[in-house]
Protein backbone atom coordinates (compact mmCIF):
# COMPACT_ATOMS: atom_id res chain seq x y z
CA UNK A 1 15.12 10.28 16.33
CA UNK A 2 12.56 8.19 14.46
CA UNK A 3 14.12 4.76 14.99
CA UNK A 4 11.30 2.51 16.17
CA UNK A 5 10.80 -1.18 16.89
CA UNK A 6 9.77 -1.71 13.27
CA UNK A 7 13.22 -0.55 12.09
CA UNK A 8 14.88 -3.30 14.11
CA UNK A 9 12.30 -5.87 13.05
CA UNK A 10 12.74 -5.18 9.33
CA UNK A 11 16.38 -4.10 9.26
CA UNK A 12 15.60 -0.64 7.86
CA UNK A 13 16.77 2.85 8.78
CA UNK A 14 13.45 4.69 8.74
CA UNK A 15 9.97 3.35 9.67
CA UNK A 16 8.57 4.07 6.22
CA UNK A 17 7.12 1.33 4.00
CA UNK A 18 6.18 1.77 0.35
CA UNK A 19 2.76 0.32 -0.33
CA UNK A 20 2.61 -2.43 -2.94
CA UNK A 21 1.06 -0.91 -6.06
CA UNK A 22 0.14 -2.80 -9.19
CA UNK A 23 1.13 -0.79 -12.23
CA UNK A 24 3.45 1.55 -10.30
CA UNK A 25 5.54 -0.36 -7.79
CA UNK A 26 8.08 -2.29 -9.86
CA UNK A 27 11.66 -3.22 -8.98
CA UNK A 28 13.06 0.25 -9.73
CA UNK A 29 10.79 1.92 -7.17
CA UNK A 30 11.15 -0.87 -4.62
CA UNK A 31 14.93 -0.71 -4.79
CA UNK A 32 14.97 3.10 -4.61
CA UNK A 33 12.83 3.12 -1.44
CA UNK A 34 14.96 0.46 0.22
CA UNK A 35 18.18 2.22 -0.78
CA UNK A 36 16.85 5.40 0.85
CA UNK A 37 16.32 3.63 4.17
CA UNK A 38 12.68 2.60 3.89
CA UNK A 39 11.16 -0.72 2.85
CA UNK A 40 10.21 -1.21 -0.79
CA UNK A 41 7.44 -3.74 -1.45
CA UNK A 42 6.76 -5.65 -4.67
CA UNK A 43 3.12 -6.37 -5.63
CA UNK A 44 1.78 -9.76 -6.69
CA UNK A 45 -1.82 -8.80 -7.52
CA UNK A 46 -2.41 -9.25 -11.25
CA UNK A 47 0.98 -10.86 -11.86
CA UNK A 48 2.14 -14.37 -12.73
CA UNK A 49 4.51 -16.58 -10.76
CA UNK A 50 7.18 -16.10 -13.43
CA UNK A 51 6.79 -12.31 -13.24
CA UNK A 52 7.21 -12.40 -9.45
CA UNK A 53 10.43 -14.40 -9.73
CA UNK A 54 11.75 -11.95 -12.32
CA UNK A 55 10.82 -8.96 -10.15
CA UNK A 56 12.58 -10.44 -7.11
CA UNK A 57 15.74 -11.15 -9.12
CA UNK A 58 15.73 -7.67 -10.65
CA UNK A 59 15.20 -5.98 -7.29
CA UNK A 60 18.12 -7.92 -5.84
CA UNK A 61 20.28 -6.75 -8.71
CA UNK A 62 19.44 -3.14 -7.80
CA UNK A 63 19.79 -3.22 -4.01
CA UNK A 64 21.30 -5.30 -1.24
CA UNK A 65 18.94 -3.70 1.29
CA UNK A 66 15.86 -5.50 2.68
CA UNK A 67 12.70 -5.42 0.59
CA UNK A 68 9.36 -7.20 0.80
CA UNK A 69 6.71 -8.89 -1.33
CA UNK A 70 3.02 -8.23 -0.83
CA UNK A 71 0.73 -11.24 -1.22
CA UNK A 72 -2.89 -10.34 -1.85
CA UNK A 73 -4.92 -13.29 -0.51
CA UNK A 74 -6.97 -14.25 -3.56
CA UNK A 75 -7.65 -17.80 -2.51
CA UNK A 76 -5.59 -20.65 -1.05
CA UNK A 77 -3.85 -21.60 -4.30
CA UNK A 78 -2.70 -18.06 -5.16
CA UNK A 79 -1.63 -17.23 -1.62
CA UNK A 80 0.34 -20.41 -1.01
CA UNK A 81 2.00 -20.43 -4.44
CA UNK A 82 3.34 -16.90 -3.87
CA UNK A 83 4.35 -17.81 -0.33
CA UNK A 84 6.36 -20.74 -1.65
CA UNK A 85 8.16 -18.49 -4.13
CA UNK A 86 9.06 -16.05 -1.35
CA UNK A 87 10.43 -18.90 0.77
CA UNK A 88 12.37 -20.47 -2.11
CA UNK A 89 13.90 -17.11 -3.08
CA UNK A 90 14.73 -16.07 0.50
CA UNK A 91 12.58 -12.96 0.53
CA UNK A 92 13.00 -11.65 4.10
CA UNK A 93 9.64 -9.90 4.55
CA UNK A 94 6.09 -10.46 3.29
CA UNK A 95 3.07 -8.22 3.72
CA UNK A 96 -0.46 -9.45 3.17
CA UNK A 97 -3.53 -7.44 2.33
CA UNK A 98 -7.18 -7.30 1.35
CA UNK A 99 -8.23 -10.43 3.25
CA UNK A 100 -7.08 -12.97 5.82
CA UNK A 101 -4.40 -15.16 4.18
CA UNK A 102 -5.19 -17.94 6.65
CA UNK A 103 -3.17 -19.35 9.52
CA UNK A 104 -1.68 -22.08 7.31
CA UNK A 105 -0.17 -19.50 4.92
CA UNK A 106 1.10 -17.37 7.79
CA UNK A 107 2.75 -20.35 9.44
CA UNK A 108 4.24 -21.46 6.12
CA UNK A 109 5.91 -18.06 5.81
CA UNK A 110 6.99 -17.97 9.45
CA UNK A 111 8.44 -21.48 9.23
CA UNK A 112 10.36 -20.30 6.18
CA UNK A 113 12.03 -17.61 8.28
CA UNK A 114 10.00 -14.73 6.84
CA UNK A 115 8.77 -11.73 8.83
CA UNK A 116 5.05 -11.23 8.16
CA UNK A 117 3.05 -8.00 8.33
CA UNK A 118 -0.66 -7.91 7.48
CA UNK A 119 -2.66 -4.95 6.22
CA UNK A 120 -5.88 -4.73 8.23
CA UNK A 121 -8.97 -2.51 7.84
CA UNK A 122 -10.61 -3.25 11.21
CA UNK A 123 -9.78 -4.03 14.82
CA UNK A 124 -11.28 -7.51 14.46
CA UNK A 125 -9.05 -8.28 11.50
CA UNK A 126 -6.01 -7.04 13.45
CA UNK A 127 -6.82 -9.31 16.38
CA UNK A 128 -7.28 -12.29 14.07
CA UNK A 129 -3.95 -11.71 12.35
CA UNK A 130 -2.17 -11.28 15.68
CA UNK A 131 -3.66 -14.60 16.81
CA UNK A 132 -2.43 -16.23 13.58
CA UNK A 133 1.11 -15.19 14.44
CA UNK A 134 2.01 -12.23 12.23
CA UNK A 135 4.81 -10.00 13.46
CA UNK A 136 3.06 -6.65 12.94
CA UNK A 137 -0.06 -5.18 11.35
CA UNK A 138 -0.61 -2.20 9.08
CA UNK A 139 -3.85 -0.42 10.01
CA UNK A 140 -5.08 1.00 6.71
CA UNK A 141 -7.88 3.54 6.61
CA UNK A 142 -10.49 4.11 3.94
CA UNK A 143 -8.54 7.15 2.66
CA UNK A 144 -5.95 4.83 1.14
CA UNK A 145 -5.79 3.82 -2.52
CA UNK A 146 -6.42 0.21 -3.50
CA UNK A 147 -8.43 -2.29 -1.47
CA UNK A 148 -9.97 -0.59 1.55
CA UNK A 149 -12.40 -1.13 4.38
CA UNK A 150 -14.81 1.43 5.82
CA UNK A 151 -12.98 3.01 8.79
CA UNK A 152 -10.85 6.15 8.51
CA UNK A 153 -7.18 6.14 9.52
CA UNK A 154 -7.48 8.59 12.41
CA UNK A 155 -9.85 6.45 14.52
CA UNK A 156 -8.59 3.09 13.23
CA UNK A 157 -4.92 3.34 14.18
CA UNK A 158 -5.27 4.04 17.94
CA UNK A 159 -8.00 1.41 18.26
CA UNK A 160 -5.76 -1.20 16.65
CA UNK A 161 -2.80 -0.08 18.79
CA UNK A 162 -4.93 -0.61 21.89
CA UNK A 163 -6.21 -3.99 20.71
CA UNK A 164 -3.03 -5.91 19.86
CA UNK A 165 0.35 -6.51 21.48
CA UNK A 166 2.39 -6.39 18.27
CA UNK A 167 3.69 -3.30 16.43
CA UNK A 168 1.17 -1.34 14.38
CA UNK A 169 1.92 0.80 11.34
CA UNK A 170 -0.47 3.38 9.89
CA UNK A 171 -1.58 3.69 6.26
CA UNK A 172 -4.09 5.81 4.40
CA UNK A 173 -3.89 9.57 3.90
CA UNK A 174 -0.15 9.85 4.59
CA UNK A 175 2.17 11.58 2.13
CA UNK A 176 4.47 13.90 4.07
CA UNK A 177 5.98 14.67 7.47
CA UNK A 178 2.67 15.87 8.88
CA UNK A 179 1.02 12.50 8.31
CA UNK A 180 4.14 10.68 9.50
CA UNK A 181 4.28 12.56 12.82
CA UNK A 182 0.52 12.23 13.29
CA UNK A 183 0.76 8.47 12.84
CA UNK A 184 3.48 8.24 15.49
CA UNK A 185 1.34 10.38 17.80
CA UNK A 186 -1.50 7.87 17.34
CA UNK A 187 0.78 5.12 18.62
CA UNK A 188 1.97 3.68 15.31
CA UNK A 189 5.54 2.40 15.00
CA UNK A 190 5.77 3.58 11.41
CA UNK A 191 3.81 4.28 8.24
CA UNK A 192 3.03 2.76 4.88
CA UNK A 193 2.79 5.24 1.99
CA UNK A 194 1.39 4.41 -1.42
CA UNK A 195 0.05 7.20 -3.62
CA UNK A 196 2.95 9.59 -2.96
CA UNK A 197 5.33 6.98 -4.42
CA UNK A 198 3.32 6.73 -7.65
CA UNK A 199 4.62 10.23 -8.39
CA UNK A 200 8.30 9.35 -8.33
CA UNK A 201 10.93 9.12 -11.03
CA UNK A 202 11.33 5.40 -10.31
CA UNK A 203 7.62 4.59 -10.49
CA UNK A 204 6.44 2.33 -13.31
CA UNK A 205 3.23 4.36 -13.68
CA UNK A 206 2.44 5.57 -17.19
CA UNK A 207 1.98 9.19 -18.19
CA UNK A 208 -1.82 9.17 -17.98
CA UNK A 209 -1.76 7.69 -14.46
CA UNK A 210 0.80 10.21 -13.20
CA UNK A 211 -0.85 13.22 -14.81
CA UNK A 212 -4.30 12.28 -13.55
CA UNK A 213 -3.04 12.23 -9.97
CA UNK A 214 -1.11 15.48 -10.47
CA UNK A 215 -4.31 17.14 -11.71
CA UNK A 216 -6.80 15.63 -9.26
CA UNK A 217 -8.30 17.13 -6.13
CA UNK A 218 -9.34 15.33 -2.95
CA UNK A 219 -12.83 14.57 -4.30
CA UNK A 220 -11.74 12.74 -7.46
CA UNK A 221 -11.49 9.23 -6.08
CA UNK A 222 -14.28 6.91 -5.02
CA UNK A 223 -14.68 3.47 -3.51
CA UNK A 224 -16.12 0.89 -5.90
CA UNK A 225 -16.28 -2.87 -6.33
CA UNK A 226 -16.28 -2.51 -10.12
CA UNK A 227 -12.59 -3.33 -10.63
CA UNK A 228 -12.03 -6.46 -8.54
CA UNK A 229 -15.31 -7.38 -6.87
CA UNK A 230 -14.02 -6.00 -3.55
CA UNK A 231 -14.06 -2.39 -2.38
CA UNK A 232 -11.24 -0.41 -4.03
CA UNK A 233 -10.50 3.30 -3.77
CA UNK A 234 -9.76 4.30 -7.34
CA UNK A 235 -9.63 7.27 -9.65
CA UNK A 236 -13.11 8.52 -10.56
CA UNK A 237 -12.89 7.76 -14.27
CA UNK A 238 -16.01 7.97 -16.47
CA UNK A 239 -16.35 4.15 -16.47
CA UNK A 240 -16.21 3.89 -12.67
CA UNK A 241 -18.60 6.82 -12.21
CA UNK A 242 -21.05 5.25 -14.68
CA UNK A 243 -20.95 1.94 -12.83
CA UNK A 244 -21.57 3.55 -9.44
CA UNK A 245 -24.42 5.71 -10.74
CA UNK A 246 -26.08 2.64 -12.24
CA UNK A 247 -25.57 0.60 -9.08
CA UNK A 248 -27.05 3.30 -6.87
CA UNK A 249 -30.00 3.76 -9.21
CA UNK A 250 -30.86 0.06 -8.96
CA UNK A 251 -29.70 -1.14 -12.39
CA UNK A 252 -30.17 -4.85 -13.06
CA UNK A 253 -27.33 -7.38 -13.00
CA UNK A 254 -26.90 -7.53 -16.77
CA UNK A 255 -26.42 -3.76 -17.02
CA UNK A 256 -23.97 -3.75 -14.12
CA UNK A 257 -22.03 -6.63 -15.66
CA UNK A 258 -21.57 -4.69 -18.88
CA UNK A 259 -20.42 -1.59 -16.99
CA UNK A 260 -17.97 -3.67 -14.92
CA UNK A 261 -16.53 -5.10 -18.11
CA UNK A 262 -16.00 -1.58 -19.47
CA UNK A 263 -14.25 -0.54 -16.26
CA UNK A 264 -12.01 -3.59 -16.14
CA UNK A 265 -11.02 -3.54 -19.79
CA UNK A 266 -8.16 -1.11 -19.15
CA UNK A 267 -7.31 -2.11 -15.59
CA UNK A 268 -4.28 -4.03 -14.45
CA UNK A 269 -1.29 -5.38 -16.31
CA UNK A 270 -1.85 -6.05 -19.99
CA UNK A 271 0.54 -6.12 -22.92
CA UNK A 272 -2.34 -4.83 -25.04
CA UNK A 273 -2.56 -1.55 -23.15
CA UNK A 274 -0.13 1.22 -23.99
CA UNK A 275 1.40 2.67 -20.83
CA UNK A 276 0.43 6.16 -21.99
CA UNK A 277 -3.21 5.27 -22.72
CA UNK A 278 -6.00 6.30 -20.37
CA UNK A 279 -6.88 3.44 -18.09
CA UNK A 280 -8.23 2.75 -14.63
CA UNK A 281 -6.02 3.31 -11.62
CA UNK A 282 -6.07 3.29 -7.84
CA UNK A 283 -5.15 6.32 -5.74
CA UNK A 284 -5.76 7.62 -2.25
CA UNK A 285 -7.49 10.85 -1.29
CA UNK A 286 -4.06 12.25 -0.48
CA UNK A 287 -3.55 12.63 -4.24
CA UNK A 288 -5.17 16.04 -4.01
CA UNK A 289 -2.07 17.44 -2.24
CA UNK A 290 0.52 16.00 -4.65
CA UNK A 291 1.85 18.28 -7.36
CA UNK A 292 5.31 17.06 -8.35
CA UNK A 293 7.32 14.03 -9.47
CA UNK A 294 10.56 13.48 -7.55
CA UNK A 295 13.04 10.72 -6.72
CA UNK A 296 11.77 8.36 -4.02
CA UNK A 297 14.87 8.97 -1.92
CA UNK A 298 14.24 12.71 -1.87
CA UNK A 299 10.70 12.14 -0.61
CA UNK A 300 11.87 9.90 2.24
CA UNK A 301 14.66 12.27 3.26
CA UNK A 302 12.26 15.21 3.22
CA UNK A 303 9.74 13.37 5.41
CA UNK A 304 12.38 12.59 8.02
CA UNK A 305 13.92 16.09 7.94
CA UNK A 306 10.57 17.88 8.12
CA UNK A 307 9.30 15.50 10.79
CA UNK A 308 12.22 16.45 13.02
CA UNK A 309 11.45 20.15 12.56
CA UNK A 310 7.73 19.61 13.06
CA UNK A 311 8.26 17.61 16.24
CA UNK A 312 10.50 20.33 17.63
CA UNK A 313 7.94 23.00 16.78
CA UNK A 314 5.11 21.07 18.44
CA UNK A 315 7.28 20.55 21.54
CA UNK A 316 8.03 24.27 21.71
CA UNK A 317 4.35 25.14 21.36
CA UNK A 318 3.48 22.69 24.13
CA UNK A 319 6.13 24.22 26.35
CA UNK A 320 4.87 27.72 25.67
CA UNK A 321 1.36 26.65 26.60
């Protein structure tokens, strides 16, 4: 019932992608999502080339199903080095995010036989990526965790669908069948889900990260450039809140630099940080509706099952009207 063009393109059963998440989306989660019929995606942000190779090998040991690698364009050297690894290791699918990876990187991946999907925050970005030759785009709204733009998912997705002639997936504010069906109604060929998969048994997220999302409400994230220099929707920790208050009050550069350092000290991968220790983390606004930790496969199966029921109910209501 929910087999779309993206399923054929990626070789997956259900049009559900797991967003690449530093600190949560390791090989165990990626493999579990792919085994359940979706597409698991490994992150590269914050990781070394050696770590990426190890993650690819480990994921392959856990599943024979398709999976992807996300390359965050952090400059030509980073982007092309990760692209070369994906080509050398026969990774079938690559997603790109945060910025334009550049036509040269896209063509490198395409020439290597890799299907390329780009995360885009605006219509203009979607058009540019389509012109560069990507196979599909993921329209990601400001509700999403991680690097975001300024446009919400609800208006962004149909505008991108109308603007490009390649498949469009929706991301941002999607965690269950209701968001999945809504995305399809907007014209998307599938969805990318991030925050919901942090709260899975296979997630690599530490106890503090999981519990903070379990306890949060929809107001306890904010968008800040404190962590990476680009706009990131993250958990509203005391360090991030302090930085944003200082920025908005007109604090000078030296004060902001010190506050950024405090925020970044416990962000990202670091052998010096205990997985259970409080740290910074990204999360979408959808975290306010998440209250349990379950296997990734159960979440995917529930989305598909409930989406079928929801679609039938909406059809019946339309018929009654």
